[in-house]
């Protein structure tokens, strides 16, 4: 068997961001600065790091970022009020609510409050519906990133057996829909699935999105499978046992440096596109 291809997300992300530079300059020449608002509720260190990373990525491209940091005691009503303020602000083109939010908050209600045209993270039910139906919109960023990586490396999707491990509304379910829309045959596994190892053994493409470190074992992977690890756990560990699966796979994403950088680049791309759409309506 040939050496596996390392699906380098940093290379893919660079191509996306390089393609955004001219578009940002064009908008700024019209007096429009694309702006992403991030909302962080509470002080979770990992969430704070993610928000900071996204803000830094914006600034490097000339995209403005507005950070809204709310205390962990914030109520659902108070959070909805903040989201509505951002919805009504014409200077804000994208809204990202960093999740998870504290347990007392109705996260789904907060997601649903985001204006569809500013839902650059693809978290509303309307956006999920449009994704499933193959309509225009902003798909959830990590699922879109996975598809972008597959396309960048010219990996065949049509006719392949794809197993998605995880069914979250912003990762597992939408990536299953995106793969189905590209004519893959999909099996979505979850915590109640029996004999996951045997199901994965039949997969040509494996998407790991379960949130458990090294959950996917090398013995589960058939020779030549494509592995996309969307997990990120403490210690820079993915949901896949990388070393064990590397010997079986024909292509695999590392953690870090795989899906993560492309997810952030996708968020920036969606924000720029939202600004362009807004500018088009005002011309």
C-alpha atoms as a PDB file:
ATOM      1  CA  UNK A   1       0.000   0.000   0.000  1.00  0.00           C
ATOM      2  CA  UNK A   2       1.205   3.512  -0.801  1.00  0.00           C
ATOM      3  CA  UNK A   3       2.018   5.982   1.928  1.00  0.00           C
ATOM      4  CA  UNK A   4      -1.187   7.643   3.169  1.00  0.00           C
ATOM      5  CA  UNK A   5      -1.915  11.217   2.136  1.00  0.00           C
ATOM      6  CA  UNK A   6      -1.895  13.610   5.065  1.00  0.00           C
ATOM      7  CA  UNK A   7      -4.860  15.904   4.443  1.00  0.00           C
ATOM      8  CA  UNK A   8      -3.184  19.146   5.504  1.00  0.00           C
ATOM      9  CA  UNK A   9      -5.858  21.616   6.534  1.00  0.00           C
ATOM     10  CA  UNK A  10      -3.396  24.486   6.863  1.00  0.00           C
ATOM     11  CA  UNK A  11      -2.734  24.355   3.120  1.00  0.00           C
ATOM     12  CA  UNK A  12      -6.450  24.294   2.318  1.00  0.00           C
ATOM     13  CA  UNK A  13      -7.142  27.138   4.744  1.00  0.00           C
ATOM     14  CA  UNK A  14      -4.393  29.261   3.201  1.00  0.00           C
ATOM     15  CA  UNK A  15      -5.922  28.881  -0.242  1.00  0.00           C
ATOM     16  CA  UNK A  16      -9.321  29.992   1.097  1.00  0.00           C
ATOM     17  CA  UNK A  17      -7.881  32.997   2.907  1.00  0.00           C
ATOM     18  CA  UNK A  18      -5.714  34.001  -0.044  1.00  0.00           C
ATOM     19  CA  UNK A  19      -8.867  34.056  -2.151  1.00  0.00           C
ATOM     20  CA  UNK A  20     -10.597  36.334   0.359  1.00  0.00           C
ATOM     21  CA  UNK A  21      -7.976  39.089   0.401  1.00  0.00           C
ATOM     22  CA  UNK A  22      -9.051  40.747  -2.835  1.00  0.00           C
ATOM     23  CA  UNK A  23     -12.732  40.468  -1.931  1.00  0.00           C
ATOM     24  CA  UNK A  24     -12.130  42.176   1.415  1.00  0.00           C
ATOM     25  CA  UNK A  25     -10.162  44.932  -0.333  1.00  0.00           C
ATOM     26  CA  UNK A  26     -13.000  45.472  -2.800  1.00  0.00           C
ATOM     27  CA  UNK A  27     -15.500  45.818   0.030  1.00  0.00           C
ATOM     28  CA  UNK A  28     -13.282  48.183   1.972  1.00  0.00           C
ATOM     29  CA  UNK A  29     -12.858  50.313  -1.155  1.00  0.00           C
ATOM     30  CA  UNK A  30     -16.639  50.762  -1.043  1.00  0.00           C
ATOM     31  CA  UNK A  31     -16.472  51.805   2.603  1.00  0.00           C
ATOM     32  CA  UNK A  32     -17.614  48.397   3.879  1.00  0.00           C
ATOM     33  CA  UNK A  33     -15.596  46.412   6.381  1.00  0.00           C
ATOM     34  CA  UNK A  34     -16.836  42.828   6.822  1.00  0.00           C
ATOM     35  CA  UNK A  35     -17.582  42.327  10.509  1.00  0.00           C
ATOM     36  CA  UNK A  36     -18.033  39.167  12.553  1.00  0.00           C
ATOM     37  CA  UNK A  37     -19.619  39.438  15.993  1.00  0.00           C
ATOM     38  CA  UNK A  38     -18.735  36.695  18.458  1.00  0.00           C
ATOM     39  CA  UNK A  39     -20.770  36.093  21.599  1.00  0.00           C
ATOM     40  CA  UNK A  40     -19.187  34.301  24.537  1.00  0.00           C
ATOM     41  CA  UNK A  41     -21.255  33.506  27.613  1.00  0.00           C
ATOM     42  CA  UNK A  42     -19.245  32.625  30.706  1.00  0.00           C
ATOM     43  CA  UNK A  43     -15.527  32.056  31.068  1.00  0.00           C
ATOM     44  CA  UNK A  44     -14.797  28.587  29.712  1.00  0.00           C
ATOM     45  CA  UNK A  45     -11.050  28.665  28.899  1.00  0.00           C
ATOM     46  CA  UNK A  46     -11.366  26.573  25.733  1.00  0.00           C
ATOM     47  CA  UNK A  47     -14.195  28.772  24.436  1.00  0.00           C
ATOM     48  CA  UNK A  48     -12.202  31.911  25.227  1.00  0.00           C
ATOM     49  CA  UNK A  49      -9.292  30.485  23.236  1.00  0.00           C
ATOM     50  CA  UNK A  50     -11.517  29.671  20.254  1.00  0.00           C
ATOM     51  CA  UNK A  51     -13.030  33.164  20.245  1.00  0.00           C
ATOM     52  CA  UNK A  52      -9.583  34.752  20.445  1.00  0.00           C
ATOM     53  CA  UNK A  53      -8.326  32.597  17.567  1.00  0.00           C
ATOM     54  CA  UNK A  54     -11.282  33.619  15.422  1.00  0.00           C
ATOM     55  CA  UNK A  55     -10.722  37.283  16.232  1.00  0.00           C
ATOM     56  CA  UNK A  56      -7.040  37.035  15.325  1.00  0.00           C
ATOM     57  CA  UNK A  57      -7.887  35.298  12.059  1.00  0.00           C
ATOM     58  CA  UNK A  58     -10.289  38.140  11.208  1.00  0.00           C
ATOM     59  CA  UNK A  59      -7.734  40.868  11.885  1.00  0.00           C
ATOM     60  CA  UNK A  60      -5.113  39.237   9.687  1.00  0.00           C
ATOM     61  CA  UNK A  61      -7.494  39.499   6.724  1.00  0.00           C
ATOM     62  CA  UNK A  62      -8.781  42.989   7.429  1.00  0.00           C
ATOM     63  CA  UNK A  63     -12.101  41.690   8.731  1.00  0.00           C
ATOM     64  CA  UNK A  64     -13.464  43.517  11.754  1.00  0.00           C
ATOM     65  CA  UNK A  65     -14.526  41.554  14.811  1.00  0.00           C
ATOM     66  CA  UNK A  66     -16.845  42.603  17.615  1.00  0.00           C
ATOM     67  CA  UNK A  67     -16.637  40.599  20.804  1.00  0.00           C
ATOM     68  CA  UNK A  68     -19.608  40.376  23.149  1.00  0.00           C
ATOM     69  CA  UNK A  69     -18.629  38.719  26.439  1.00  0.00           C
ATOM     70  CA  UNK A  70     -21.484  38.021  28.828  1.00  0.00           C
ATOM     71  CA  UNK A  71     -21.313  36.631  32.388  1.00  0.00           C
ATOM     72  CA  UNK A  72     -22.236  33.001  33.010  1.00  0.00           C
ATOM     73  CA  UNK A  73     -25.297  34.180  34.962  1.00  0.00           C
ATOM     74  CA  UNK A  74     -26.796  35.610  31.759  1.00  0.00           C
ATOM     75  CA  UNK A  75     -30.386  34.494  31.178  1.00  0.00           C
ATOM     76  CA  UNK A  76     -31.816  33.259  27.907  1.00  0.00           C
ATOM     77  CA  UNK A  77     -33.854  36.470  27.606  1.00  0.00           C
ATOM     78  CA  UNK A  78     -30.775  38.639  28.099  1.00  0.00           C
ATOM     79  CA  UNK A  79     -28.829  36.642  25.516  1.00  0.00           C
ATOM     80  CA  UNK A  80     -31.677  36.922  22.996  1.00  0.00           C
ATOM     81  CA  UNK A  81     -31.673  40.682  23.553  1.00  0.00           C
ATOM     82  CA  UNK A  82     -27.959  40.867  22.717  1.00  0.00           C
ATOM     83  CA  UNK A  83     -28.457  38.762  19.581  1.00  0.00           C
ATOM     84  CA  UNK A  84     -31.306  40.987  18.426  1.00  0.00           C
ATOM     85  CA  UNK A  85     -29.117  44.077  18.837  1.00  0.00           C
ATOM     86  CA  UNK A  86     -26.553  42.477  16.529  1.00  0.00           C
ATOM     87  CA  UNK A  87     -29.276  41.438  14.080  1.00  0.00           C
ATOM     88  CA  UNK A  88     -30.364  45.072  13.806  1.00  0.00           C
ATOM     89  CA  UNK A  89     -26.853  46.507  13.470  1.00  0.00           C
ATOM     90  CA  UNK A  90     -26.094  47.058   9.749  1.00  0.00           C
ATOM     91  CA  UNK A  91     -22.355  47.106  10.490  1.00  0.00           C
ATOM     92  CA  UNK A  92     -22.489  43.459  11.635  1.00  0.00           C
ATOM     93  CA  UNK A  93     -22.471  40.891   8.823  1.00  0.00           C
ATOM     94  CA  UNK A  94     -22.014  37.645  10.724  1.00  0.00           C
ATOM     95  CA  UNK A  95     -22.957  36.424  14.202  1.00  0.00           C
ATOM     96  CA  UNK A  96     -21.314  33.516  15.984  1.00  0.00           C
ATOM     97  CA  UNK A  97     -22.553  32.275  19.345  1.00  0.00           C
ATOM     98  CA  UNK A  98     -19.711  30.281  20.885  1.00  0.00           C
ATOM     99  CA  UNK A  99     -21.018  26.983  22.146  1.00  0.00           C
ATOM    100  CA  UNK A 100     -21.594  25.309  24.471  1.00  0.00           C
ATOM    101  CA  UNK A 101     -23.361  27.975  26.506  1.00  0.00           C
ATOM    102  CA  UNK A 102     -24.035  27.574  30.264  1.00  0.00           C
ATOM    103  CA  UNK A 103     -26.643  24.927  31.009  1.00  0.00           C
ATOM    104  CA  UNK A 104     -29.319  27.338  32.219  1.00  0.00           C
ATOM    105  CA  UNK A 105     -29.539  28.946  28.778  1.00  0.00           C
ATOM    106  CA  UNK A 106     -31.797  27.596  26.034  1.00  0.00           C
ATOM    107  CA  UNK A 107     -29.076  27.228  23.401  1.00  0.00           C
ATOM    108  CA  UNK A 108     -31.455  26.259  20.610  1.00  0.00           C
ATOM    109  CA  UNK A 109     -33.595  29.353  21.231  1.00  0.00           C
ATOM    110  CA  UNK A 110     -30.446  31.471  21.079  1.00  0.00           C
ATOM    111  CA  UNK A 111     -29.357  29.893  17.801  1.00  0.00           C
ATOM    112  CA  UNK A 112     -32.808  30.391  16.292  1.00  0.00           C
ATOM    113  CA  UNK A 113     -32.708  34.098  17.183  1.00  0.00           C
ATOM    114  CA  UNK A 114     -29.793  34.718  14.788  1.00  0.00           C
ATOM    115  CA  UNK A 115     -30.840  36.432  11.566  1.00  0.00           C
ATOM    116  CA  UNK A 116     -30.645  33.916   8.718  1.00  0.00           C
ATOM    117  CA  UNK A 117     -28.566  36.303   6.613  1.00  0.00           C
ATOM    118  CA  UNK A 118     -26.056  36.626   9.466  1.00  0.00           C
ATOM    119  CA  UNK A 119     -25.989  32.929  10.397  1.00  0.00           C
ATOM    120  CA  UNK A 120     -22.433  32.458   9.130  1.00  0.00           C
ATOM    121  CA  UNK A 121     -21.852  29.498  11.481  1.00  0.00           C
ATOM    122  CA  UNK A 122     -24.849  27.604  10.096  1.00  0.00           C
ATOM    123  CA  UNK A 123     -26.593  26.942  13.414  1.00  0.00           C
ATOM    124  CA  UNK A 124     -30.256  27.754  12.739  1.00  0.00           C
ATOM    125  CA  UNK A 125     -32.812  25.114  11.826  1.00  0.00           C
ATOM    126  CA  UNK A 126     -33.606  27.051   8.643  1.00  0.00           C
ATOM    127  CA  UNK A 127     -29.969  26.877   7.584  1.00  0.00           C
ATOM    128  CA  UNK A 128     -29.904  23.143   8.325  1.00  0.00           C
ATOM    129  CA  UNK A 129     -33.007  22.692   6.180  1.00  0.00           C
ATOM    130  CA  UNK A 130     -31.431  24.589   3.298  1.00  0.00           C
ATOM    131  CA  UNK A 131     -28.256  22.505   3.671  1.00  0.00           C
ATOM    132  CA  UNK A 132     -30.236  19.255   3.586  1.00  0.00           C
ATOM    133  CA  UNK A 133     -32.134  20.375   0.495  1.00  0.00           C
ATOM    134  CA  UNK A 134     -29.000  21.579  -1.288  1.00  0.00           C
ATOM    135  CA  UNK A 135     -30.140  25.193  -1.363  1.00  0.00           C
ATOM    136  CA  UNK A 136     -27.962  28.272  -1.058  1.00  0.00           C
ATOM    137  CA  UNK A 137     -26.964  29.506   2.378  1.00  0.00           C
ATOM    138  CA  UNK A 138     -24.189  29.107   4.904  1.00  0.00           C
ATOM    139  CA  UNK A 139     -23.753  25.461   5.919  1.00  0.00           C
ATOM    140  CA  UNK A 140     -22.284  24.736   9.335  1.00  0.00           C
ATOM    141  CA  UNK A 141     -18.604  25.560   9.104  1.00  0.00           C
ATOM    142  CA  UNK A 142     -17.027  22.255  10.142  1.00  0.00           C
ATOM    143  CA  UNK A 143     -19.170  20.138   7.770  1.00  0.00           C
ATOM    144  CA  UNK A 144     -18.413  22.582   4.956  1.00  0.00           C
ATOM    145  CA  UNK A 145     -14.713  22.391   5.863  1.00  0.00           C
ATOM    146  CA  UNK A 146     -14.787  18.603   5.587  1.00  0.00           C
ATOM    147  CA  UNK A 147     -16.296  18.807   2.112  1.00  0.00           C
ATOM    148  CA  UNK A 148     -13.749  21.440   1.094  1.00  0.00           C
ATOM    149  CA  UNK A 149     -10.870  19.197   2.167  1.00  0.00           C
ATOM    150  CA  UNK A 150     -12.267  16.268   0.198  1.00  0.00           C
ATOM    151  CA  UNK A 151     -12.616  18.452  -2.891  1.00  0.00           C
ATOM    152  CA  UNK A 152      -9.175  20.057  -2.515  1.00  0.00           C
ATOM    153  CA  UNK A 153      -7.541  16.625  -2.553  1.00  0.00           C
ATOM    154  CA  UNK A 154      -9.811  15.380  -5.370  1.00  0.00           C
ATOM    155  CA  UNK A 155     -11.223  12.576  -3.264  1.00  0.00           C
ATOM    156  CA  UNK A 156     -14.185  10.815  -4.872  1.00  0.00           C
ATOM    157  CA  UNK A 157     -17.415  11.138  -2.902  1.00  0.00           C
ATOM    158  CA  UNK A 158     -19.968   9.825  -5.383  1.00  0.00           C
ATOM    159  CA  UNK A 159     -20.857   6.207  -4.786  1.00  0.00           C
ATOM    160  CA  UNK A 160     -18.707   5.855  -1.664  1.00  0.00           C
ATOM    161  CA  UNK A 161     -19.874   4.337   1.597  1.00  0.00           C
ATOM    162  CA  UNK A 162     -19.504   7.098   4.196  1.00  0.00           C
ATOM    163  CA  UNK A 163     -19.880   6.556   7.931  1.00  0.00           C
ATOM    164  CA  UNK A 164     -20.393   9.610  10.113  1.00  0.00           C
ATOM    165  CA  UNK A 165     -19.846   9.016  13.826  1.00  0.00           C
ATOM    166  CA  UNK A 166     -21.885  11.625  15.670  1.00  0.00           C
ATOM    167  CA  UNK A 167     -25.269  13.263  15.099  1.00  0.00           C
ATOM    168  CA  UNK A 168     -24.951  16.759  16.536  1.00  0.00           C
ATOM    169  CA  UNK A 169     -27.126  19.378  14.794  1.00  0.00           C
ATOM    170  CA  UNK A 170     -24.137  21.461  13.715  1.00  0.00           C
ATOM    171  CA  UNK A 171     -21.725  18.690  12.745  1.00  0.00           C
ATOM    172  CA  UNK A 172     -22.858  15.094  12.389  1.00  0.00           C
ATOM    173  CA  UNK A 173     -26.284  15.712  10.876  1.00  0.00           C
ATOM    174  CA  UNK A 174     -25.288  18.446   8.399  1.00  0.00           C
ATOM    175  CA  UNK A 175     -22.161  16.642   7.197  1.00  0.00           C
ATOM    176  CA  UNK A 176     -24.301  13.549   6.599  1.00  0.00           C
ATOM    177  CA  UNK A 177     -26.631  15.719   4.504  1.00  0.00           C
ATOM    178  CA  UNK A 178     -23.774  17.287   2.537  1.00  0.00           C
ATOM    179  CA  UNK A 179     -22.272  13.876   1.757  1.00  0.00           C
ATOM    180  CA  UNK A 180     -25.679  12.508   0.762  1.00  0.00           C
ATOM    181  CA  UNK A 181     -26.190  15.465  -1.580  1.00  0.00           C
ATOM    182  CA  UNK A 182     -22.920  14.483  -3.257  1.00  0.00           C
ATOM    183  CA  UNK A 183     -24.213  10.953  -3.868  1.00  0.00           C
ATOM    184  CA  UNK A 184     -22.420   9.108  -1.100  1.00  0.00           C
ATOM    185  CA  UNK A 185     -24.261   6.328   0.739  1.00  0.00           C
ATOM    186  CA  UNK A 186     -24.525   7.454   4.365  1.00  0.00           C
ATOM    187  CA  UNK A 187     -24.627   5.665   7.691  1.00  0.00           C
ATOM    188  CA  UNK A 188     -24.841   7.949  10.710  1.00  0.00           C
ATOM    189  CA  UNK A 189     -23.736   6.345  13.971  1.00  0.00           C
ATOM    190  CA  UNK A 190     -24.359   7.613  17.495  1.00  0.00           C
ATOM    191  CA  UNK A 191     -24.301   6.590  21.152  1.00  0.00           C
ATOM    192  CA  UNK A 192     -27.097   4.053  20.683  1.00  0.00           C
ATOM    193  CA  UNK A 193     -25.622   2.410  17.587  1.00  0.00           C
ATOM    194  CA  UNK A 194     -24.745  -1.245  18.038  1.00  0.00           C
ATOM    195  CA  UNK A 195     -21.499  -2.714  16.705  1.00  0.00           C
ATOM    196  CA  UNK A 196     -20.048   0.587  15.521  1.00  0.00           C
ATOM    197  CA  UNK A 197     -16.715  -1.073  14.827  1.00  0.00           C
ATOM    198  CA  UNK A 198     -18.295  -3.453  12.312  1.00  0.00           C
ATOM    199  CA  UNK A 199     -20.165  -0.610  10.586  1.00  0.00           C
ATOM    200  CA  UNK A 200     -17.005   1.475  10.279  1.00  0.00           C
ATOM    201  CA  UNK A 201     -15.151  -1.496   8.782  1.00  0.00           C
ATOM    202  CA  UNK A 202     -17.320  -1.137   5.649  1.00  0.00           C
ATOM    203  CA  UNK A 203     -16.656   2.588   5.228  1.00  0.00           C
ATOM    204  CA  UNK A 204     -14.764   4.149   2.339  1.00  0.00           C
ATOM    205  CA  UNK A 205     -14.998   7.526   4.110  1.00  0.00           C
ATOM    206  CA  UNK A 206     -15.055   7.909   7.892  1.00  0.00           C
ATOM    207  CA  UNK A 207     -16.003  11.193   9.571  1.00  0.00           C
ATOM    208  CA  UNK A 208     -15.295  11.159  13.301  1.00  0.00           C
ATOM    209  CA  UNK A 209     -17.339  13.759  15.202  1.00  0.00           C
ATOM    210  CA  UNK A 210     -18.100  12.105  18.500  1.00  0.00           C
ATOM    211  CA  UNK A 211     -16.124  14.200  20.995  1.00  0.00           C
ATOM    212  CA  UNK A 212     -14.231  11.297  22.556  1.00  0.00           C
ATOM    213  CA  UNK A 213     -10.418  11.114  22.352  1.00  0.00           C
ATOM    214  CA  UNK A 214      -9.051   8.259  20.227  1.00  0.00           C
ATOM    215  CA  UNK A 215     -12.517   6.716  19.962  1.00  0.00           C
ATOM    216  CA  UNK A 216     -11.994   5.310  16.459  1.00  0.00           C
ATOM    217  CA  UNK A 217      -9.560   2.406  16.556  1.00  0.00           C
ATOM    218  CA  UNK A 218      -7.180   1.228  13.860  1.00  0.00           C
ATOM    219  CA  UNK A 219      -8.827  -2.205  13.798  1.00  0.00           C
ATOM    220  CA  UNK A 220     -12.082  -0.546  12.718  1.00  0.00           C
ATOM    221  CA  UNK A 221     -10.599   0.906   9.536  1.00  0.00           C
ATOM    222  CA  UNK A 222     -10.576  -1.029   6.302  1.00  0.00           C
ATOM    223  CA  UNK A 223      -7.501  -0.786   4.121  1.00  0.00           C
ATOM    224  CA  UNK A 224      -7.521   2.369   2.011  1.00  0.00           C
ATOM    225  CA  UNK A 225     -10.288   4.259   3.805  1.00  0.00           C
ATOM    226  CA  UNK A 226     -10.383   8.073   3.975  1.00  0.00           C
ATOM    227  CA  UNK A 227     -10.511   9.449   7.525  1.00  0.00           C
ATOM    228  CA  UNK A 228     -11.625  12.947   8.496  1.00  0.00           C
ATOM    229  CA  UNK A 229     -11.199  13.631  12.191  1.00  0.00           C
ATOM    230  CA  UNK A 230     -13.422  16.522  13.287  1.00  0.00           C
ATOM    231  CA  UNK A 231     -12.732  15.961  16.963  1.00  0.00           C
ATOM    232  CA  UNK A 232     -10.592  18.123  19.194  1.00  0.00           C
ATOM    233  CA  UNK A 233      -9.965  17.022  22.754  1.00  0.00           C
ATOM    234  CA  UNK A 234      -7.680  18.139  25.554  1.00  0.00           C
ATOM    235  CA  UNK A 235      -4.035  17.675  24.687  1.00  0.00           C
ATOM    236  CA  UNK A 236      -4.475  18.203  20.918  1.00  0.00           C
ATOM    237  CA  UNK A 237      -6.030  14.763  20.530  1.00  0.00           C
ATOM    238  CA  UNK A 238      -8.674  13.953  17.947  1.00  0.00           C
ATOM    239  CA  UNK A 239     -11.510  11.446  17.965  1.00  0.00           C
ATOM    240  CA  UNK A 240      -9.360   9.027  15.963  1.00  0.00           C
ATOM    241  CA  UNK A 241      -6.415   6.981  17.217  1.00  0.00           C
ATOM    242  CA  UNK A 242      -4.206   8.629  14.609  1.00  0.00           C
ATOM    243  CA  UNK A 243      -1.134   6.379  14.769  1.00  0.00           C
ATOM    244  CA  UNK A 244      -3.167   3.178  14.660  1.00  0.00           C
ATOM    245  CA  UNK A 245      -5.449   4.386  11.850  1.00  0.00           C
ATOM    246  CA  UNK A 246      -2.593   5.864   9.816  1.00  0.00           C
ATOM    247  CA  UNK A 247      -1.376   2.387   8.867  1.00  0.00           C
ATOM    248  CA  UNK A 248      -4.786   1.500   7.407  1.00  0.00           C
ATOM    249  CA  UNK A 249      -5.908   4.739   5.748  1.00  0.00           C
ATOM    250  CA  UNK A 250      -5.143   6.017   2.269  1.00  0.00           C
ATOM    251  CA  UNK A 251      -5.727   9.587   3.511  1.00  0.00           C
ATOM    252  CA  UNK A 252      -6.232  11.111   6.955  1.00  0.00           C
ATOM    253  CA  UNK A 253      -6.524  14.515   8.618  1.00  0.00           C
ATOM    254  CA  UNK A 254      -4.151  15.245  11.501  1.00  0.00           C
ATOM    255  CA  UNK A 255      -5.165  16.883  14.777  1.00  0.00           C
ATOM    256  CA  UNK A 256      -4.266  19.674  15.046  1.00  0.00           C
ATOM    257  CA  UNK A 257      -3.790  21.035  11.528  1.00  0.00           C
ATOM    258  CA  UNK A 258      -6.576  19.161   9.772  1.00  0.00           C
ATOM    259  CA  UNK A 259     -10.243  20.132   9.848  1.00  0.00           C
ATOM    260  CA  UNK A 260      -9.818  22.946  12.407  1.00  0.00           C
ATOM    261  CA  UNK A 261      -7.969  25.533  10.274  1.00  0.00           C
ATOM    262  CA  UNK A 262     -10.401  24.998   7.397  1.00  0.00           C
ATOM    263  CA  UNK A 263     -13.357  25.495   9.746  1.00  0.00           C
ATOM    264  CA  UNK A 264     -12.041  28.927  10.752  1.00  0.00           C
ATOM    265  CA  UNK A 265     -11.268  29.838   7.135  1.00  0.00           C
ATOM    266  CA  UNK A 266     -14.816  28.811   6.195  1.00  0.00           C
ATOM    267  CA  UNK A 267     -16.232  31.078   8.885  1.00  0.00           C
ATOM    268  CA  UNK A 268     -14.230  33.987   7.454  1.00  0.00           C
ATOM    269  CA  UNK A 269     -15.395  33.139   3.940  1.00  0.00           C
ATOM    270  CA  UNK A 270     -19.037  33.097   5.036  1.00  0.00           C
ATOM    271  CA  UNK A 271     -18.600  36.464   6.768  1.00  0.00           C
ATOM    272  CA  UNK A 272     -17.139  38.047   3.644  1.00  0.00           C
ATOM    273  CA  UNK A 273     -19.918  36.566   1.524  1.00  0.00           C
ATOM    274  CA  UNK A 274     -22.535  37.911   3.943  1.00  0.00           C
ATOM    275  CA  UNK A 275     -20.962  41.378   3.649  1.00  0.00           C
ATOM    276  CA  UNK A 276     -21.020  41.115  -0.147  1.00  0.00           C
ATOM    277  CA  UNK A 277     -24.689  40.133  -0.121  1.00  0.00           C
ATOM    278  CA  UNK A 278     -25.492  43.038   2.185  1.00  0.00           C
ATOM    279  CA  UNK A 279     -23.570  45.444  -0.049  1.00  0.00           C
ATOM    280  CA  UNK A 280     -25.420  44.152  -3.106  1.00  0.00           C
ATOM    281  CA  UNK A 281     -28.786  44.856  -1.523  1.00  0.00           C
ATOM    282  CA  UNK A 282     -27.767  48.422  -0.712  1.00  0.00           C
ATOM    283  CA  UNK A 283     -26.431  49.298  -4.151  1.00  0.00           C
END
